[in-house]
Amino acid sequence: MLFDNPEARSLLANRQRRTPCVLLLDRSYSMAGEKMRRLNAGFDVFRQDILRNPVAAQSVDLAVISFGPVKLERDFAPLSESETLQLQASGATPMRQALELAMLKVTERKRSYQQHGISYYRPWIFLLTDGEPTDDGGHGCDGYKALIAPLELAAQEQKFTLFTVGVNVSPHGRAVLDDLSRPFKGRCLDLDNLKFEEMFLWLSASLSRVSQSAPGDRVQLVDPRVGDDVYDGWVL
């Protein structure tokens, strides 16, 4: 029955227009230590900040996918239904497989919204990594290039928006993220000095702005290089 389905119950209990977002987070071995600690702490700040905004708390629909190896940490749900995040560093950097899963989850979630009569804003995929793409065995690979054409089509058809963030990435790693961002008229955003908290506050504020906008409005996001009166800039 319909109401035996937890996803259906959650959607029908809250008819707010949704603001879907997938966090695509690198937890490979190279993220161990201070980077992983700050990433987990930054997510807690993000969650608390969203929940302080009554509209965003009802609208923002979050999924979390980690890679190293690829794992769906939590499926789409409001932040009120999510707990704190405690990622542990392990594995390689299978970025292509992780992004493919994120694209699939966005497609499935949009279909679910449509089936239940829920309106939604364009989904966001927010990818963060400190490395270069590898296969599951940790060997460098350029398989991500197979995603460029699907990403270009997604951008043209406004299926979702992709942001990429590099954490002390190499020139090649930055070039990869630039390639993935280019269809969306973006570039790799280089995280300044492990400012994960500022990054997550920017993300929270940006999703909150989207959630409170009228359909069709062009939402002006704060320049992440500068910040505002709540948080400092976090992009080099």
Protein backbone atom coordinates (compact mmCIF):
# COMPACT_ATOMS: atom_id res chain seq x y z
CA MET A 1 0.00 0.00 0.00
CA LEU A 2 1.06 3.61 -0.59
CA PHE A 3 1.36 4.54 3.07
CA ASP A 4 3.48 1.47 3.80
CA ASN A 5 6.18 3.17 1.69
CA PRO A 6 8.37 5.42 3.93
CA GLU A 7 9.36 7.61 0.98
CA ALA A 8 5.71 8.17 0.03
CA ARG A 9 4.76 8.97 3.62
CA SER A 10 7.59 11.51 3.88
CA LEU A 11 6.67 13.20 0.60
CA LEU A 12 2.94 13.33 1.26
CA ALA A 13 3.37 14.59 4.82
CA ASN A 14 5.23 17.66 3.53
CA ARG A 15 3.95 19.31 0.34
CA GLN A 16 6.61 22.06 0.34
CA ARG A 17 8.38 22.63 -2.99
CA ARG A 18 11.60 20.66 -2.69
CA THR A 19 15.19 21.85 -3.12
CA PRO A 20 17.08 18.60 -3.82
CA CYS A 21 20.83 18.41 -3.29
CA VAL A 22 23.33 15.55 -3.50
CA LEU A 23 26.55 15.90 -1.54
CA LEU A 24 29.20 13.86 -3.37
CA LEU A 25 32.07 13.57 -0.89
CA ASP A 26 35.53 12.10 -1.33
CA ARG A 27 36.53 9.90 1.62
CA SER A 28 39.57 8.24 0.03
CA TYR A 29 42.72 7.56 2.06
CA SER A 30 44.18 10.95 1.17
CA MET A 31 41.31 12.65 3.04
CA ALA A 32 42.38 11.09 6.35
CA GLY A 33 43.18 13.25 9.37
CA GLU A 34 42.42 16.96 9.58
CA LYS A 35 40.59 17.12 6.25
CA MET A 36 38.12 14.41 7.24
CA ARG A 37 37.65 15.84 10.71
CA ARG A 38 36.82 19.28 9.31
CA LEU A 39 34.57 17.80 6.62
CA ASN A 40 32.47 15.94 9.19
CA ALA A 41 32.33 18.99 11.46
CA GLY A 42 31.37 21.21 8.52
CA PHE A 43 28.45 18.94 7.66
CA ASP A 44 27.12 19.34 11.22
CA VAL A 45 27.27 23.14 10.82
CA PHE A 46 25.43 22.82 7.50
CA ARG A 47 22.70 20.66 9.01
CA GLN A 48 22.16 22.96 11.98
CA ASP A 49 22.08 26.06 9.79
CA ILE A 50 19.45 24.59 7.45
CA LEU A 51 17.28 23.52 10.39
CA ARG A 52 17.31 27.07 11.78
CA ASN A 53 15.48 28.24 8.65
CA PRO A 54 11.88 26.96 8.83
CA VAL A 55 11.33 27.14 5.06
CA ALA A 56 14.64 25.51 4.13
CA ALA A 57 14.17 22.84 6.80
CA GLN A 58 10.99 21.73 5.01
CA SER A 59 12.30 22.25 1.47
CA VAL A 60 15.92 21.08 1.30
CA ASP A 61 15.99 17.40 0.38
CA LEU A 62 19.47 15.95 0.91
CA ALA A 63 21.25 12.82 -0.25
CA VAL A 64 24.87 12.00 0.64
CA ILE A 65 27.12 9.79 -1.48
CA SER A 66 30.73 9.11 -0.49
CA PHE A 67 33.39 7.59 -2.68
CA GLY A 68 36.38 5.48 -1.72
CA PRO A 69 34.56 3.08 -2.46
CA VAL A 70 31.19 4.48 -3.63
CA LYS A 71 28.52 4.33 -0.94
CA LEU A 72 25.07 5.87 -0.59
CA GLU A 73 25.45 7.22 2.95
CA ARG A 74 21.86 8.48 3.07
CA ASP A 75 19.09 8.70 0.53
CA PHE A 76 17.07 11.83 -0.14
CA ALA A 77 15.31 13.13 2.97
CA PRO A 78 14.83 16.42 4.85
CA LEU A 79 17.68 17.39 7.16
CA SER A 80 15.35 16.87 10.14
CA GLU A 81 15.44 13.16 9.27
CA SER A 82 19.25 13.07 8.95
CA GLU A 83 21.80 12.53 11.68
CA THR A 84 25.35 13.79 11.95
CA LEU A 85 27.88 12.53 9.41
CA GLN A 86 30.92 10.53 10.46
CA LEU A 87 32.80 9.55 7.32
CA GLN A 88 35.95 7.43 7.65
CA ALA A 89 38.74 7.71 5.10
CA SER A 90 39.43 4.59 3.04
CA GLY A 91 39.92 3.41 -0.51
CA ALA A 92 40.62 5.09 -3.83
CA THR A 93 38.85 7.87 -5.75
CA PRO A 94 36.25 6.30 -8.11
CA MET A 95 34.85 9.69 -9.06
CA ARG A 96 33.14 8.59 -12.27
CA GLN A 97 31.12 5.85 -10.54
CA ALA A 98 30.16 8.23 -7.73
CA LEU A 99 28.96 10.91 -10.14
CA GLU A 100 27.01 8.33 -12.16
CA LEU A 101 25.22 7.26 -8.97
CA ALA A 102 24.46 10.89 -8.08
CA MET A 103 22.95 11.48 -11.52
CA LEU A 104 20.85 8.31 -11.17
CA LYS A 105 19.58 9.29 -7.71
CA VAL A 106 18.59 12.76 -8.99
CA THR A 107 16.65 11.18 -11.86
CA GLU A 108 14.88 8.77 -9.51
CA ARG A 109 14.01 11.50 -7.02
CA LYS A 110 12.56 13.78 -9.68
CA ARG A 111 10.42 10.89 -10.91
CA SER A 112 9.20 10.31 -7.34
CA TYR A 113 8.31 13.99 -6.95
CA GLN A 114 6.33 13.85 -10.16
CA GLN A 115 4.50 10.68 -9.13
CA HIS A 116 3.43 12.28 -5.84
CA GLY A 117 2.61 15.72 -7.21
CA ILE A 118 5.51 17.48 -5.46
CA SER A 119 7.01 20.52 -7.19
CA TYR A 120 10.76 21.06 -7.03
CA TYR A 121 13.61 23.38 -7.95
CA ARG A 122 16.47 22.29 -10.17
CA PRO A 123 18.59 19.77 -8.22
CA TRP A 124 22.17 20.49 -7.18
CA ILE A 125 25.07 18.04 -7.17
CA PHE A 126 27.92 19.28 -5.01
CA LEU A 127 31.14 17.30 -5.60
CA LEU A 128 34.14 17.62 -3.28
CA THR A 129 37.46 15.84 -3.74
CA ASP A 130 41.16 16.16 -2.96
CA GLY A 131 42.36 13.81 -5.67
CA GLU A 132 42.29 12.65 -9.24
CA PRO A 133 39.83 10.04 -10.53
CA THR A 134 40.90 6.41 -10.22
CA ASP A 135 39.44 3.00 -10.86
CA ASP A 136 38.43 0.82 -7.92
CA GLY A 137 42.00 -0.43 -7.66
CA GLY A 138 43.41 3.04 -7.15
CA HIS A 139 44.94 3.40 -10.61
CA GLY A 140 44.52 6.73 -12.36
CA CYS A 141 42.02 6.68 -15.20
CA ASP A 142 40.24 9.04 -17.55
CA GLY A 143 36.90 7.21 -17.55
CA TYR A 144 35.28 10.39 -16.28
CA LYS A 145 35.46 11.74 -19.85
CA ALA A 146 32.57 9.44 -20.77
CA LEU A 147 30.38 11.65 -18.54
CA ILE A 148 31.09 14.90 -20.36
CA ALA A 149 28.46 14.38 -23.06
CA PRO A 150 25.71 13.36 -20.56
CA LEU A 151 26.64 16.37 -18.41
CA GLU A 152 26.42 18.69 -21.41
CA LEU A 153 22.96 17.31 -22.17
CA ALA A 154 21.91 17.67 -18.52
CA ALA A 155 23.05 21.29 -18.54
CA GLN A 156 21.23 22.05 -21.80
CA GLU A 157 18.01 20.48 -20.52
CA GLN A 158 18.44 22.04 -17.05
CA LYS A 159 18.19 18.64 -15.37
CA PHE A 160 20.52 19.64 -12.52
CA THR A 161 23.43 21.93 -11.65
CA LEU A 162 26.88 20.59 -10.79
CA PHE A 163 29.41 22.33 -8.53
CA THR A 164 32.93 20.94 -8.05
CA VAL A 165 35.25 21.75 -5.14
CA GLY A 166 38.94 20.84 -5.04
CA VAL A 167 40.80 20.39 -1.75
CA ASN A 168 44.48 21.01 -2.45
CA VAL A 169 44.12 19.26 -5.80
CA SER A 170 46.93 18.81 -8.31
CA PRO A 171 46.88 20.71 -11.62
CA HIS A 172 45.54 17.58 -13.32
CA GLY A 173 42.87 17.12 -10.64
CA ARG A 174 41.81 20.74 -11.13
CA ALA A 175 41.63 20.23 -14.88
CA VAL A 176 39.33 17.23 -14.35
CA LEU A 177 36.99 19.26 -12.14
CA ASP A 178 37.07 22.12 -14.65
CA ASP A 179 36.03 19.67 -17.37
CA LEU A 180 33.10 18.41 -15.27
CA SER A 181 32.00 21.94 -14.36
CA ARG A 182 32.33 23.51 -17.79
CA PRO A 183 28.93 22.36 -19.16
CA PHE A 184 27.34 24.30 -16.28
CA LYS A 185 29.44 27.40 -17.01
CA GLY A 186 31.46 26.77 -13.84
CA ARG A 187 34.97 25.84 -12.82
CA CYS A 188 36.75 23.99 -10.04
CA LEU A 189 36.29 25.94 -6.80
CA ASP A 190 39.60 25.66 -4.91
CA LEU A 191 38.95 25.37 -1.18
CA ASP A 192 41.01 27.92 0.74
CA ASN A 193 42.94 26.56 3.73
CA LEU A 194 40.47 23.76 4.61
CA LYS A 195 37.60 26.22 5.18
CA PHE A 196 34.99 23.47 5.25
CA GLU A 197 32.78 25.32 7.73
CA GLU A 198 32.63 28.44 5.56
CA MET A 199 31.97 26.28 2.50
CA PHE A 200 29.04 24.52 4.18
CA LEU A 201 27.63 27.82 5.46
CA TRP A 202 27.72 29.16 1.89
CA LEU A 203 25.97 26.00 0.69
CA SER A 204 23.33 26.28 3.40
CA ALA A 205 22.69 29.95 2.64
CA SER A 206 22.54 29.28 -1.10
CA LEU A 207 20.05 26.40 -0.80
CA SER A 208 17.99 28.50 1.61
CA ARG A 209 17.84 31.33 -0.95
CA VAL A 210 16.70 28.88 -3.62
CA SER A 211 14.07 27.35 -1.33
CA GLN A 212 12.52 30.78 -0.69
CA SER A 213 12.56 31.97 -4.31
CA ALA A 214 9.60 32.08 -6.68
CA PRO A 215 9.62 29.53 -9.52
CA GLY A 216 11.55 30.96 -12.46
CA ASP A 217 13.41 33.53 -10.38
CA ARG A 218 17.14 33.88 -11.02
CA VAL A 219 18.70 33.44 -7.57
CA GLN A 220 21.78 35.59 -6.94
CA LEU A 221 24.33 33.56 -4.97
CA VAL A 222 26.97 35.14 -2.74
CA ASP A 223 30.43 35.18 -4.32
CA PRO A 224 32.22 32.30 -2.52
CA ARG A 225 35.54 34.12 -2.84
CA VAL A 226 34.22 37.00 -0.73
CA GLY A 227 31.57 35.68 1.66
CA ASP A 228 29.19 37.93 3.56
CA ASP A 229 28.56 39.17 7.10
CA VAL A 230 27.95 35.62 8.38
CA TYR A 231 30.92 33.74 6.90
CA ASP A 232 34.23 34.49 5.18
CA GLY A 233 35.06 33.63 1.60
CA TRP A 234 36.23 30.06 1.15
CA VAL A 235 37.41 29.91 -2.47
CA LEU A 236 40.91 30.86 -3.57
